[in-house]
Structures are given as C-alpha cells and as structure tokens.
C-alpha atoms as a PDB file:
ATOM      1  CA  UNK A   1     -11.453  30.691   4.882  1.00  0.00           C
ATOM      2  CA  UNK A   2      -8.553  28.730   3.452  1.00  0.00           C
ATOM      3  CA  UNK A   3      -9.262  25.030   3.241  1.00  0.00           C
ATOM      4  CA  UNK A   4      -6.247  22.820   3.679  1.00  0.00           C
ATOM      5  CA  UNK A   5      -6.051  20.194   0.992  1.00  0.00           C
ATOM      6  CA  UNK A   6      -7.211  16.822   2.235  1.00  0.00           C
ATOM      7  CA  UNK A   7      -4.345  14.639   3.347  1.00  0.00           C
ATOM      8  CA  UNK A   8      -3.892  11.602   1.174  1.00  0.00           C
ATOM      9  CA  UNK A   9      -4.847   8.445   3.039  1.00  0.00           C
ATOM     10  CA  UNK A  10      -2.428   5.554   2.975  1.00  0.00           C
ATOM     11  CA  UNK A  11      -2.961   2.044   4.291  1.00  0.00           C
ATOM     12  CA  UNK A  12       0.229   0.106   5.080  1.00  0.00           C
ATOM     13  CA  UNK A  13      -0.316  -3.652   5.004  1.00  0.00           C
ATOM     14  CA  UNK A  14       2.499  -5.872   6.241  1.00  0.00           C
ATOM     15  CA  UNK A  15       2.744  -8.740   8.700  1.00  0.00           C
ATOM     16  CA  UNK A  16       6.005  -7.392  10.160  1.00  0.00           C
ATOM     17  CA  UNK A  17       5.065  -5.090  13.000  1.00  0.00           C
ATOM     18  CA  UNK A  18       8.399  -3.238  13.065  1.00  0.00           C
ATOM     19  CA  UNK A  19       8.130  -2.421   9.361  1.00  0.00           C
ATOM     20  CA  UNK A  20       4.509  -1.267   9.701  1.00  0.00           C
ATOM     21  CA  UNK A  21       5.403   0.983  12.586  1.00  0.00           C
ATOM     22  CA  UNK A  22       8.476   2.467  10.930  1.00  0.00           C
ATOM     23  CA  UNK A  23       6.901   3.012   7.540  1.00  0.00           C
ATOM     24  CA  UNK A  24       3.709   4.500   8.955  1.00  0.00           C
ATOM     25  CA  UNK A  25       5.618   6.957  11.147  1.00  0.00           C
ATOM     26  CA  UNK A  26       7.836   7.963   8.207  1.00  0.00           C
ATOM     27  CA  UNK A  27       4.805   8.541   5.986  1.00  0.00           C
ATOM     28  CA  UNK A  28       2.949  10.445   8.717  1.00  0.00           C
ATOM     29  CA  UNK A  29       6.006  12.692   9.053  1.00  0.00           C
ATOM     30  CA  UNK A  30       5.697  13.377   5.311  1.00  0.00           C
ATOM     31  CA  UNK A  31       2.119  14.560   5.817  1.00  0.00           C
ATOM     32  CA  UNK A  32       0.127  11.467   4.882  1.00  0.00           C
ATOM     33  CA  UNK A  33      -2.753  10.173   6.953  1.00  0.00           C
ATOM     34  CA  UNK A  34      -1.663   6.610   7.642  1.00  0.00           C
ATOM     35  CA  UNK A  35      -3.341   3.497   8.929  1.00  0.00           C
ATOM     36  CA  UNK A  36      -1.954  -0.008   9.145  1.00  0.00           C
ATOM     37  CA  UNK A  37      -3.143  -3.597   8.847  1.00  0.00           C
ATOM     38  CA  UNK A  38      -1.201  -6.648   9.979  1.00  0.00           C
ATOM     39  CA  UNK A  39      -2.584  -9.125   7.483  1.00  0.00           C
ATOM     40  CA  UNK A  40      -4.734  -9.515   4.417  1.00  0.00           C
ATOM     41  CA  UNK A  41      -7.985 -10.048   6.352  1.00  0.00           C
ATOM     42  CA  UNK A  42      -7.481  -6.871   8.358  1.00  0.00           C
ATOM     43  CA  UNK A  43      -6.605  -5.002   5.182  1.00  0.00           C
ATOM     44  CA  UNK A  44      -9.804  -6.108   3.431  1.00  0.00           C
ATOM     45  CA  UNK A  45     -11.894  -5.114   6.469  1.00  0.00           C
ATOM     46  CA  UNK A  46     -10.224  -1.687   6.584  1.00  0.00           C
ATOM     47  CA  UNK A  47     -10.807  -1.154   2.864  1.00  0.00           C
ATOM     48  CA  UNK A  48     -14.488  -2.084   3.206  1.00  0.00           C
ATOM     49  CA  UNK A  49     -14.887   0.503   5.993  1.00  0.00           C
ATOM     50  CA  UNK A  50     -12.928   3.409   4.571  1.00  0.00           C
ATOM     51  CA  UNK A  51     -11.597   5.038   1.462  1.00  0.00           C
ATOM     52  CA  UNK A  52      -7.863   5.109   0.920  1.00  0.00           C
ATOM     53  CA  UNK A  53      -5.908   6.800  -1.832  1.00  0.00           C
ATOM     54  CA  UNK A  54      -2.994   4.401  -1.760  1.00  0.00           C
ATOM     55  CA  UNK A  55      -2.401   0.965  -0.269  1.00  0.00           C
ATOM     56  CA  UNK A  56       1.156  -0.212   0.331  1.00  0.00           C
ATOM     57  CA  UNK A  57       0.749  -3.933   0.240  1.00  0.00           C
ATOM     58  CA  UNK A  58       3.152  -6.697   1.185  1.00  0.00           C
ATOM     59  CA  UNK A  59       2.883  -9.730  -1.093  1.00  0.00           C
ATOM     60  CA  UNK A  60       3.976 -12.516   1.234  1.00  0.00           C
ATOM     61  CA  UNK A  61       1.672 -12.722   4.257  1.00  0.00           C
ATOM     62  CA  UNK A  62       0.156 -15.677   6.098  1.00  0.00           C
ATOM     63  CA  UNK A  63      -3.418 -16.719   5.242  1.00  0.00           C
ATOM     64  CA  UNK A  64      -4.607 -13.960   2.905  1.00  0.00           C
ATOM     65  CA  UNK A  65      -1.688 -12.797   0.779  1.00  0.00           C
ATOM     66  CA  UNK A  66      -1.145  -9.526  -1.042  1.00  0.00           C
ATOM     67  CA  UNK A  67      -2.410 -10.863  -4.359  1.00  0.00           C
ATOM     68  CA  UNK A  68      -5.794 -11.680  -2.830  1.00  0.00           C
ATOM     69  CA  UNK A  69      -6.015  -8.229  -1.271  1.00  0.00           C
ATOM     70  CA  UNK A  70      -5.048  -6.653  -4.600  1.00  0.00           C
ATOM     71  CA  UNK A  71      -7.798  -8.608  -6.389  1.00  0.00           C
ATOM     72  CA  UNK A  72     -10.310  -7.534  -3.756  1.00  0.00           C
ATOM     73  CA  UNK A  73      -9.338  -3.870  -4.172  1.00  0.00           C
ATOM     74  CA  UNK A  74      -9.465  -3.977  -7.959  1.00  0.00           C
ATOM     75  CA  UNK A  75     -12.915  -5.634  -7.914  1.00  0.00           C
ATOM     76  CA  UNK A  76     -14.426  -3.437  -5.214  1.00  0.00           C
ATOM     77  CA  UNK A  77     -12.587  -0.112  -5.100  1.00  0.00           C
ATOM     78  CA  UNK A  78     -10.620   0.093  -8.332  1.00  0.00           C
ATOM     79  CA  UNK A  79      -9.849   3.777  -7.785  1.00  0.00           C
ATOM     80  CA  UNK A  80      -7.434   2.891  -4.966  1.00  0.00           C
ATOM     81  CA  UNK A  81      -3.823   2.846  -6.120  1.00  0.00           C
ATOM     82  CA  UNK A  82      -1.853  -0.159  -4.934  1.00  0.00           C
ATOM     83  CA  UNK A  83       1.911  -0.334  -4.513  1.00  0.00           C
ATOM     84  CA  UNK A  84       3.281  -3.781  -3.782  1.00  0.00           C
ATOM     85  CA  UNK A  85       6.065  -4.297  -1.249  1.00  0.00           C
ATOM     86  CA  UNK A  86       8.097  -7.415  -1.596  1.00  0.00           C
ATOM     87  CA  UNK A  87      11.202  -8.779   0.031  1.00  0.00           C
ATOM     88  CA  UNK A  88      11.637 -11.105  -2.869  1.00  0.00           C
ATOM     89  CA  UNK A  89      12.624  -8.767  -5.656  1.00  0.00           C
ATOM     90  CA  UNK A  90      11.180 -11.485  -7.706  1.00  0.00           C
ATOM     91  CA  UNK A  91      10.310 -10.446 -11.214  1.00  0.00           C
ATOM     92  CA  UNK A  92       7.540 -13.006 -11.578  1.00  0.00           C
ATOM     93  CA  UNK A  93       5.644 -11.529  -8.623  1.00  0.00           C
ATOM     94  CA  UNK A  94       6.175  -7.999  -9.897  1.00  0.00           C
ATOM     95  CA  UNK A  95       4.761  -8.837 -13.300  1.00  0.00           C
ATOM     96  CA  UNK A  96       1.855 -10.739 -11.774  1.00  0.00           C
ATOM     97  CA  UNK A  97       1.038  -7.799  -9.479  1.00  0.00           C
ATOM     98  CA  UNK A  98       1.155  -5.307 -12.339  1.00  0.00           C
ATOM     99  CA  UNK A  99      -1.097  -7.548 -14.442  1.00  0.00           C
ATOM    100  CA  UNK A 100      -3.582  -7.634 -11.580  1.00  0.00           C
ATOM    101  CA  UNK A 101      -3.653  -3.842 -11.522  1.00  0.00           C
ATOM    102  CA  UNK A 102      -0.961  -2.719  -9.087  1.00  0.00           C
ATOM    103  CA  UNK A 103       0.453   0.718  -9.933  1.00  0.00           C
ATOM    104  CA  UNK A 104       3.969  -0.030  -8.853  1.00  0.00           C
ATOM    105  CA  UNK A 105       6.315  -2.188  -7.000  1.00  0.00           C
ATOM    106  CA  UNK A 106       8.952  -1.486  -4.326  1.00  0.00           C
ATOM    107  CA  UNK A 107      11.347  -4.096  -3.044  1.00  0.00           C
ATOM    108  CA  UNK A 108      12.217  -4.526   0.614  1.00  0.00           C
ATOM    109  CA  UNK A 109      14.338  -3.487   2.382  1.00  0.00           C
ATOM    110  CA  UNK A 110      12.735  -0.364   0.973  1.00  0.00           C
ATOM    111  CA  UNK A 111      14.221   3.054   0.481  1.00  0.00           C
ATOM    112  CA  UNK A 112      11.857   5.750   1.772  1.00  0.00           C
ATOM    113  CA  UNK A 113      12.599   7.993  -1.214  1.00  0.00           C
ATOM    114  CA  UNK A 114      11.540   5.202  -3.579  1.00  0.00           C
ATOM    115  CA  UNK A 115       8.288   4.740  -1.706  1.00  0.00           C
ATOM    116  CA  UNK A 116       7.539   8.484  -1.678  1.00  0.00           C
ATOM    117  CA  UNK A 117       8.296   8.730  -5.392  1.00  0.00           C
ATOM    118  CA  UNK A 118       6.085   5.766  -6.073  1.00  0.00           C
ATOM    119  CA  UNK A 119       3.195   7.214  -4.012  1.00  0.00           C
ATOM    120  CA  UNK A 120       3.485  10.586  -5.751  1.00  0.00           C
ATOM    121  CA  UNK A 121       3.491   8.906  -9.130  1.00  0.00           C
ATOM    122  CA  UNK A 122       0.472   6.781  -8.199  1.00  0.00           C
ATOM    123  CA  UNK A 123      -1.403   9.898  -7.062  1.00  0.00           C
ATOM    124  CA  UNK A 124      -0.523  11.583 -10.333  1.00  0.00           C
ATOM    125  CA  UNK A 125       1.733  14.267  -8.873  1.00  0.00           C
END
C-alpha cells in the first residue's frame, strides 16, 4: 500500500477576506491543506486546536496583530514556521518579525511564486 505523503498544513491569517480567499485557493491548488483565520484571536484559537506546518501571517490587523500571534506561536508551538505578510514593505517590521522568530517575510501585494518559494524554504525543501 503506497501512502501518500501528508499534505503540508498552512494557516492563512489576514483581515482582508478577498486576500484570504484568493491565497487559500491558490495554495490549495498547489496541493497544500489550507485553513484561514480573519484576525489574530481566531488565528491563536486555530493554532491551539491544530498543528500547522506554516502560518502565513499578516502583520497589521485590528485588535491582536501579527506580532502578538507570532509571539504566541514561538512560545507555544515553536516548530511552526511563520512567514509574515505585510503591505508596508517596511524594513523595521521585517527585522522585528525576524528577531521574534519569523522564517521569512513577503510583501503585499504578494507574488504567488514568492510565497511558494518562501513556504518551500521554510519547510526545508
């Protein structure tokens, strides 16, 4: 019996619904198992419930921002790789995110190839 390799699980966290929908359908088409969260609270709940391989995480969100979610992940499930998404290709945020343990950083509007490359790199492929 040939076992298919487990699909990598990705959580897309962004407060823009259109972006969540588009990115999750693009990633699903690439063979990832994708779930989404619309804000930091939802993301933290999802991460408590389930294991993800990679979290694509928007920095600027109302209430609980991406930095807080990143800290939560690094304290509780440090094996999860985190790639920050940010519309503000703002170097200060990038450096801050990397210091806090993010694997990588993709600016929005994103290029799908960049995101796929970044995910593959984070997963060590």
